[in-house]
Amino acid sequence: LGPAQTIIWPYLATLEGYHNTFSEPE
């Protein structure tokens, strides 16, 4: 349960070939 009792569903995963990129607006 997250804020305001919303449900959050997590998934465990591997992330391959990642080079520290991200969306700057977010």
PDB file of all heavy atoms in Angstrom:
ATOM      1  N   LEU A   1       0.843  -1.186   0.000  1.00  0.00           N
ATOM      2  CA  LEU A   1       0.000   0.000   0.000  1.00  0.00           C
ATOM      3  C   LEU A   1       0.882   1.240   0.000  1.00  0.00           C
ATOM      4  O   LEU A   1       1.774   1.389   0.832  1.00  0.00           O
ATOM      5  CB  LEU A   1      -0.912   0.004   1.232  1.00  0.00           C
ATOM      6  CG  LEU A   1      -2.053  -1.005   1.225  1.00  0.00           C
ATOM      7  CD1 LEU A   1      -2.821  -0.928   2.539  1.00  0.00           C
ATOM      8  CD2 LEU A   1      -2.989  -0.763   0.043  1.00  0.00           C
ATOM      9  N   GLY A   2       0.613   2.133  -0.937  1.00  0.00           N
ATOM     10  CA  GLY A   2       1.361   3.371  -1.018  1.00  0.00           C
ATOM     11  C   GLY A   2       0.581   4.524  -0.423  1.00  0.00           C
ATOM     12  O   GLY A   2      -0.376   4.320   0.345  1.00  0.00           O
ATOM     13  N   PRO A   3       0.953   5.758  -0.773  1.00  0.00           N
ATOM     14  CA  PRO A   3       0.229   6.927  -0.280  1.00  0.00           C
ATOM     15  C   PRO A   3      -1.257   6.849  -0.637  1.00  0.00           C
ATOM     16  O   PRO A   3      -1.623   6.358  -1.694  1.00  0.00           O
ATOM     17  CB  PRO A   3       0.914   8.087  -1.014  1.00  0.00           C
ATOM     18  CG  PRO A   3       2.274   7.576  -1.341  1.00  0.00           C
ATOM     19  CD  PRO A   3       2.095   6.112  -1.626  1.00  0.00           C
ATOM     20  N   ALA A   4      -2.075   7.328   0.269  1.00  0.00           N
ATOM     21  CA  ALA A   4      -3.535   7.343   0.082  1.00  0.00           C
ATOM     22  C   ALA A   4      -4.092   5.940  -0.169  1.00  0.00           C
ATOM     23  O   ALA A   4      -5.120   5.765  -0.817  1.00  0.00           O
ATOM     24  CB  ALA A   4      -3.923   8.267  -1.069  1.00  0.00           C
ATOM     25  N   GLN A   5      -3.405   4.918   0.363  1.00  0.00           N
ATOM     26  CA  GLN A   5      -3.873   3.537   0.268  1.00  0.00           C
ATOM     27  C   GLN A   5      -3.936   3.018  -1.164  1.00  0.00           C
ATOM     28  O   GLN A   5      -4.697   2.092  -1.471  1.00  0.00           O
ATOM     29  CB  GLN A   5      -5.238   3.397   0.943  1.00  0.00           C
ATOM     30  CG  GLN A   5      -5.221   3.716   2.422  1.00  0.00           C
ATOM     31  CD  GLN A   5      -4.277   2.794   3.189  1.00  0.00           C
ATOM     32  OE1 GLN A   5      -4.565   1.629   3.380  1.00  0.00           O
ATOM     33  NE2 GLN A   5      -3.154   3.321   3.622  1.00  0.00           N
ATOM     34  N   THR A   6      -3.157   3.597  -2.064  1.00  0.00           N
ATOM     35  CA  THR A   6      -3.070   3.068  -3.419  1.00  0.00           C
ATOM     36  C   THR A   6      -2.225   1.795  -3.408  1.00  0.00           C
ATOM     37  O   THR A   6      -1.334   1.637  -2.589  1.00  0.00           O
ATOM     38  CB  THR A   6      -2.435   4.094  -4.364  1.00  0.00           C
ATOM     39  OG1 THR A   6      -1.150   4.489  -3.835  1.00  0.00           O
ATOM     40  CG2 THR A   6      -3.314   5.329  -4.488  1.00  0.00           C
ATOM     41  N   ILE A   7      -2.522   0.887  -4.332  1.00  0.00           N
ATOM     42  CA  ILE A   7      -1.798  -0.372  -4.411  1.00  0.00           C
ATOM     43  C   ILE A   7      -0.634  -0.233  -5.391  1.00  0.00           C
ATOM     44  O   ILE A   7      -0.812   0.264  -6.505  1.00  0.00           O
ATOM     45  CB  ILE A   7      -2.719  -1.516  -4.853  1.00  0.00           C
ATOM     46  CG1 ILE A   7      -3.882  -1.673  -3.870  1.00  0.00           C
ATOM     47  CG2 ILE A   7      -1.952  -2.827  -4.962  1.00  0.00           C
ATOM     48  CD1 ILE A   7      -4.903  -2.708  -4.297  1.00  0.00           C
ATOM     49  N   ILE A   8       0.545  -0.679  -4.977  1.00  0.00           N
ATOM     50  CA  ILE A   8       1.725  -0.658  -5.827  1.00  0.00           C
ATOM     51  C   ILE A   8       2.165  -2.102  -6.051  1.00  0.00           C
ATOM     52  O   ILE A   8       2.360  -2.855  -5.096  1.00  0.00           O
ATOM     53  CB  ILE A   8       2.875   0.137  -5.186  1.00  0.00           C
ATOM     54  CG1 ILE A   8       2.422   1.559  -4.852  1.00  0.00           C
ATOM     55  CG2 ILE A   8       4.086   0.160  -6.121  1.00  0.00           C
ATOM     56  CD1 ILE A   8       3.463   2.360  -4.083  1.00  0.00           C
ATOM     57  N   TRP A   9       2.336  -2.472  -7.324  1.00  0.00           N
ATOM     58  CA  TRP A   9       2.750  -3.829  -7.679  1.00  0.00           C
ATOM     59  C   TRP A   9       4.204  -3.798  -8.142  1.00  0.00           C
ATOM     60  O   TRP A   9       4.506  -3.301  -9.217  1.00  0.00           O
ATOM     61  CB  TRP A   9       1.856  -4.388  -8.790  1.00  0.00           C
ATOM     62  CG  TRP A   9       0.400  -4.427  -8.424  1.00  0.00           C
ATOM     63  CD1 TRP A   9      -0.578  -3.573  -8.854  1.00  0.00           C
ATOM     64  CD2 TRP A   9      -0.235  -5.359  -7.551  1.00  0.00           C
ATOM     65  NE1 TRP A   9      -1.793  -3.911  -8.300  1.00  0.00           N
ATOM     66  CE2 TRP A   9      -1.611  -5.008  -7.499  1.00  0.00           C
ATOM     67  CE3 TRP A   9       0.214  -6.449  -6.819  1.00  0.00           C
ATOM     68  CZ2 TRP A   9      -2.524  -5.716  -6.729  1.00  0.00           C
ATOM     69  CZ3 TRP A   9      -0.704  -7.155  -6.057  1.00  0.00           C
ATOM     70  CH2 TRP A   9      -2.050  -6.791  -6.023  1.00  0.00           C
ATOM     71  N   PRO A  10       5.136  -4.350  -7.335  1.00  0.00           N
ATOM     72  CA  PRO A  10       6.552  -4.333  -7.719  1.00  0.00           C
ATOM     73  C   PRO A  10       6.955  -5.590  -8.514  1.00  0.00           C
ATOM     74  O   PRO A  10       6.402  -6.672  -8.306  1.00  0.00           O
ATOM     75  CB  PRO A  10       7.291  -4.307  -6.369  1.00  0.00           C
ATOM     76  CG  PRO A  10       6.213  -4.253  -5.313  1.00  0.00           C
ATOM     77  CD  PRO A  10       4.969  -4.763  -5.951  1.00  0.00           C
ATOM     78  N   TYR A  11       7.941  -5.404  -9.389  1.00  0.00           N
ATOM     79  CA  TYR A  11       8.508  -6.515 -10.145  1.00  0.00           C
ATOM     80  C   TYR A  11      10.022  -6.461 -10.044  1.00  0.00           C
ATOM     81  O   TYR A  11      10.635  -5.413 -10.287  1.00  0.00           O
ATOM     82  CB  TYR A  11       8.084  -6.439 -11.623  1.00  0.00           C
ATOM     83  CG  TYR A  11       6.641  -6.819 -11.822  1.00  0.00           C
ATOM     84  CD1 TYR A  11       5.632  -5.873 -11.647  1.00  0.00           C
ATOM     85  CD2 TYR A  11       6.277  -8.129 -12.143  1.00  0.00           C
ATOM     86  CE1 TYR A  11       4.293  -6.223 -11.791  1.00  0.00           C
ATOM     87  CE2 TYR A  11       4.937  -8.482 -12.290  1.00  0.00           C
ATOM     88  CZ  TYR A  11       3.962  -7.528 -12.113  1.00  0.00           C
ATOM     89  OH  TYR A  11       2.644  -7.885 -12.246  1.00  0.00           O
ATOM     90  N   LEU A  12      10.606  -7.591  -9.673  1.00  0.00           N
ATOM     91  CA  LEU A  12      12.058  -7.701  -9.608  1.00  0.00           C
ATOM     92  C   LEU A  12      12.574  -8.005 -11.005  1.00  0.00           C
ATOM     93  O   LEU A  12      12.049  -8.877 -11.698  1.00  0.00           O
ATOM     94  CB  LEU A  12      12.443  -8.823  -8.643  1.00  0.00           C
ATOM     95  CG  LEU A  12      13.934  -9.077  -8.441  1.00  0.00           C
ATOM     96  CD1 LEU A  12      14.580  -7.886  -7.733  1.00  0.00           C
ATOM     97  CD2 LEU A  12      14.151 -10.356  -7.638  1.00  0.00           C
ATOM     98  N   ALA A  13      13.618  -7.277 -11.418  1.00  0.00           N
ATOM     99  CA  ALA A  13      14.124  -7.450 -12.784  1.00  0.00           C
ATOM    100  C   ALA A  13      15.596  -7.098 -12.859  1.00  0.00           C
ATOM    101  O   ALA A  13      16.124  -6.369 -12.007  1.00  0.00           O
ATOM    102  CB  ALA A  13      13.326  -6.584 -13.754  1.00  0.00           C
ATOM    103  N   THR A  14      16.250  -7.613 -13.885  1.00  0.00           N
ATOM    104  CA  THR A  14      17.602  -7.164 -14.187  1.00  0.00           C
ATOM    105  C   THR A  14      17.519  -6.101 -15.274  1.00  0.00           C
ATOM    106  O   THR A  14      16.612  -6.131 -16.116  1.00  0.00           O
ATOM    107  CB  THR A  14      18.494  -8.322 -14.669  1.00  0.00           C
ATOM    108  OG1 THR A  14      17.901  -8.922 -15.840  1.00  0.00           O
ATOM    109  CG2 THR A  14      18.651  -9.366 -13.572  1.00  0.00           C
ATOM    110  N   LEU A  15      18.457  -5.174 -15.235  1.00  0.00           N
ATOM    111  CA  LEU A  15      18.549  -4.124 -16.249  1.00  0.00           C
ATOM    112  C   LEU A  15      19.939  -4.219 -16.859  1.00  0.00           C
ATOM    113  O   LEU A  15      20.939  -4.004 -16.170  1.00  0.00           O
ATOM    114  CB  LEU A  15      18.310  -2.758 -15.617  1.00  0.00           C
ATOM    115  CG  LEU A  15      18.414  -1.539 -16.544  1.00  0.00           C
ATOM    116  CD1 LEU A  15      17.419  -1.655 -17.699  1.00  0.00           C
ATOM    117  CD2 LEU A  15      18.178  -0.254 -15.765  1.00  0.00           C
ATOM    118  N   GLU A  16      19.993  -4.549 -18.142  1.00  0.00           N
ATOM    119  CA  GLU A  16      21.271  -4.793 -18.802  1.00  0.00           C
ATOM    120  C   GLU A  16      21.627  -3.643 -19.743  1.00  0.00           C
ATOM    121  O   GLU A  16      20.764  -2.997 -20.324  1.00  0.00           O
ATOM    122  CB  GLU A  16      21.199  -6.117 -19.573  1.00  0.00           C
ATOM    123  CG  GLU A  16      20.870  -7.316 -18.686  1.00  0.00           C
ATOM    124  CD  GLU A  16      20.645  -8.589 -19.472  1.00  0.00           C
ATOM    125  OE1 GLU A  16      20.636  -8.525 -20.722  1.00  0.00           O
ATOM    126  OE2 GLU A  16      20.447  -9.641 -18.849  1.00  0.00           O
ATOM    127  N   GLY A  17      22.938  -3.410 -19.881  1.00  0.00           N
ATOM    128  CA  GLY A  17      23.425  -2.400 -20.819  1.00  0.00           C
ATOM    129  C   GLY A  17      22.967  -0.994 -20.496  1.00  0.00           C
ATOM    130  O   GLY A  17      22.745  -0.182 -21.413  1.00  0.00           O
ATOM    131  N   TYR A  18      22.837  -0.687 -19.223  1.00  0.00           N
ATOM    132  CA  TYR A  18      22.355   0.635 -18.819  1.00  0.00           C
ATOM    133  C   TYR A  18      23.528   1.597 -18.648  1.00  0.00           C
ATOM    134  O   TYR A  18      24.549   1.250 -18.060  1.00  0.00           O
ATOM    135  CB  TYR A  18      21.568   0.537 -17.510  1.00  0.00           C
ATOM    136  CG  TYR A  18      21.055   1.864 -17.015  1.00  0.00           C
ATOM    137  CD1 TYR A  18      20.168   2.607 -17.777  1.00  0.00           C
ATOM    138  CD2 TYR A  18      21.480   2.384 -15.787  1.00  0.00           C
ATOM    139  CE1 TYR A  18      19.695   3.833 -17.340  1.00  0.00           C
ATOM    140  CE2 TYR A  18      21.003   3.599 -15.342  1.00  0.00           C
ATOM    141  CZ  TYR A  18      20.120   4.318 -16.119  1.00  0.00           C
ATOM    142  OH  TYR A  18      19.650   5.539 -15.677  1.00  0.00           O
ATOM    143  N   HIS A  19      23.367   2.825 -19.152  1.00  0.00           N
ATOM    144  CA  HIS A  19      24.456   3.804 -19.146  1.00  0.00           C
ATOM    145  C   HIS A  19      24.034   5.130 -18.502  1.00  0.00           C
ATOM    146  O   HIS A  19      24.354   6.214 -18.997  1.00  0.00           O
ATOM    147  CB  HIS A  19      24.960   4.043 -20.571  1.00  0.00           C
ATOM    148  CG  HIS A  19      25.488   2.787 -21.235  1.00  0.00           C
ATOM    149  ND1 HIS A  19      26.644   2.155 -20.834  1.00  0.00           N
ATOM    150  CD2 HIS A  19      24.983   2.035 -22.245  1.00  0.00           C
ATOM    151  CE1 HIS A  19      26.855   1.078 -21.567  1.00  0.00           C
ATOM    152  NE2 HIS A  19      25.857   0.979 -22.436  1.00  0.00           N
ATOM    153  N   ASN A  20      23.306   5.039 -17.406  1.00  0.00           N
ATOM    154  CA  ASN A  20      22.945   6.213 -16.597  1.00  0.00           C
ATOM    155  C   ASN A  20      22.106   7.245 -17.358  1.00  0.00           C
ATOM    156  O   ASN A  20      22.175   8.444 -17.081  1.00  0.00           O
ATOM    157  CB  ASN A  20      24.200   6.878 -16.025  1.00  0.00           C
ATOM    158  CG  ASN A  20      24.923   5.996 -15.040  1.00  0.00           C
ATOM    159  OD1 ASN A  20      24.307   5.308 -14.236  1.00  0.00           O
ATOM    160  ND2 ASN A  20      26.248   5.991 -15.120  1.00  0.00           N
ATOM    161  N   THR A  21      21.305   6.792 -18.286  1.00  0.00           N
ATOM    162  CA  THR A  21      20.402   7.696 -18.992  1.00  0.00           C
ATOM    163  C   THR A  21      19.107   7.840 -18.209  1.00  0.00           C
ATOM    164  O   THR A  21      18.705   6.937 -17.471  1.00  0.00           O
ATOM    165  CB  THR A  21      20.085   7.158 -20.393  1.00  0.00           C
ATOM    166  OG1 THR A  21      19.567   5.815 -20.277  1.00  0.00           O
ATOM    167  CG2 THR A  21      21.332   7.146 -21.257  1.00  0.00           C
ATOM    168  N   PHE A  22      18.439   8.978 -18.359  1.00  0.00           N
ATOM    169  CA  PHE A  22      17.136   9.183 -17.728  1.00  0.00           C
ATOM    170  C   PHE A  22      16.432  10.375 -18.356  1.00  0.00           C
ATOM    171  O   PHE A  22      17.068  11.234 -18.996  1.00  0.00           O
ATOM    172  CB  PHE A  22      17.270   9.381 -16.214  1.00  0.00           C
ATOM    173  CG  PHE A  22      18.212  10.473 -15.796  1.00  0.00           C
ATOM    174  CD1 PHE A  22      17.797  11.792 -15.715  1.00  0.00           C
ATOM    175  CD2 PHE A  22      19.543  10.177 -15.492  1.00  0.00           C
ATOM    176  CE1 PHE A  22      18.665  12.795 -15.327  1.00  0.00           C
ATOM    177  CE2 PHE A  22      20.418  11.171 -15.102  1.00  0.00           C
ATOM    178  CZ  PHE A  22      19.986  12.483 -15.015  1.00  0.00           C
ATOM    179  N   SER A  23      15.130  10.425 -18.164  1.00  0.00           N
ATOM    180  CA  SER A  23      14.302  11.515 -18.689  1.00  0.00           C
ATOM    181  C   SER A  23      14.364  12.697 -17.727  1.00  0.00           C
ATOM    182  O   SER A  23      13.822  12.628 -16.614  1.00  0.00           O
ATOM    183  CB  SER A  23      12.850  11.037 -18.859  1.00  0.00           C
ATOM    184  OG  SER A  23      12.001  12.115 -19.191  1.00  0.00           O
ATOM    185  N   GLU A  24      15.015  13.777 -18.117  1.00  0.00           N
ATOM    186  CA  GLU A  24      15.219  14.916 -17.216  1.00  0.00           C
ATOM    187  C   GLU A  24      13.931  15.577 -16.732  1.00  0.00           C
ATOM    188  O   GLU A  24      13.893  16.066 -15.600  1.00  0.00           O
ATOM    189  CB  GLU A  24      16.131  15.943 -17.878  1.00  0.00           C
ATOM    190  CG  GLU A  24      17.550  15.418 -18.088  1.00  0.00           C
ATOM    191  CD  GLU A  24      18.491  16.479 -18.620  1.00  0.00           C
ATOM    192  OE1 GLU A  24      18.057  17.650 -18.775  1.00  0.00           O
ATOM    193  OE2 GLU A  24      19.665  16.153 -18.881  1.00  0.00           O
ATOM    194  N   PRO A  25      12.846  15.614 -17.528  1.00  0.00           N
ATOM    195  CA  PRO A  25      11.604  16.187 -16.983  1.00  0.00           C
ATOM    196  C   PRO A  25      11.036  15.405 -15.802  1.00  0.00           C
ATOM    197  O   PRO A  25      10.283  15.952 -15.001  1.00  0.00           O
ATOM    198  CB  PRO A  25      10.647  16.149 -18.184  1.00  0.00           C
ATOM    199  CG  PRO A  25      11.542  16.162 -19.381  1.00  0.00           C
ATOM    200  CD  PRO A  25      12.736  15.336 -18.968  1.00  0.00           C
ATOM    201  N   GLU A  26      11.388  14.115 -15.708  1.00  0.00           N
ATOM    202  CA  GLU A  26      10.836  13.271 -14.650  1.00  0.00           C
ATOM    203  C   GLU A  26      11.840  12.936 -13.554  1.00  0.00           C
ATOM    204  O   GLU A  26      11.465  12.744 -12.390  1.00  0.00           O
ATOM    205  CB  GLU A  26      10.323  11.957 -15.246  1.00  0.00           C
ATOM    206  CG  GLU A  26       9.211  12.098 -16.263  1.00  0.00           C
ATOM    207  CD  GLU A  26       8.793  10.762 -16.834  1.00  0.00           C
ATOM    208  OE1 GLU A  26       7.918  10.106 -16.220  1.00  0.00           O
ATOM    209  OE2 GLU A  26       9.330  10.362 -17.873  1.00  0.00           O
TER     210      GLU A  26
END
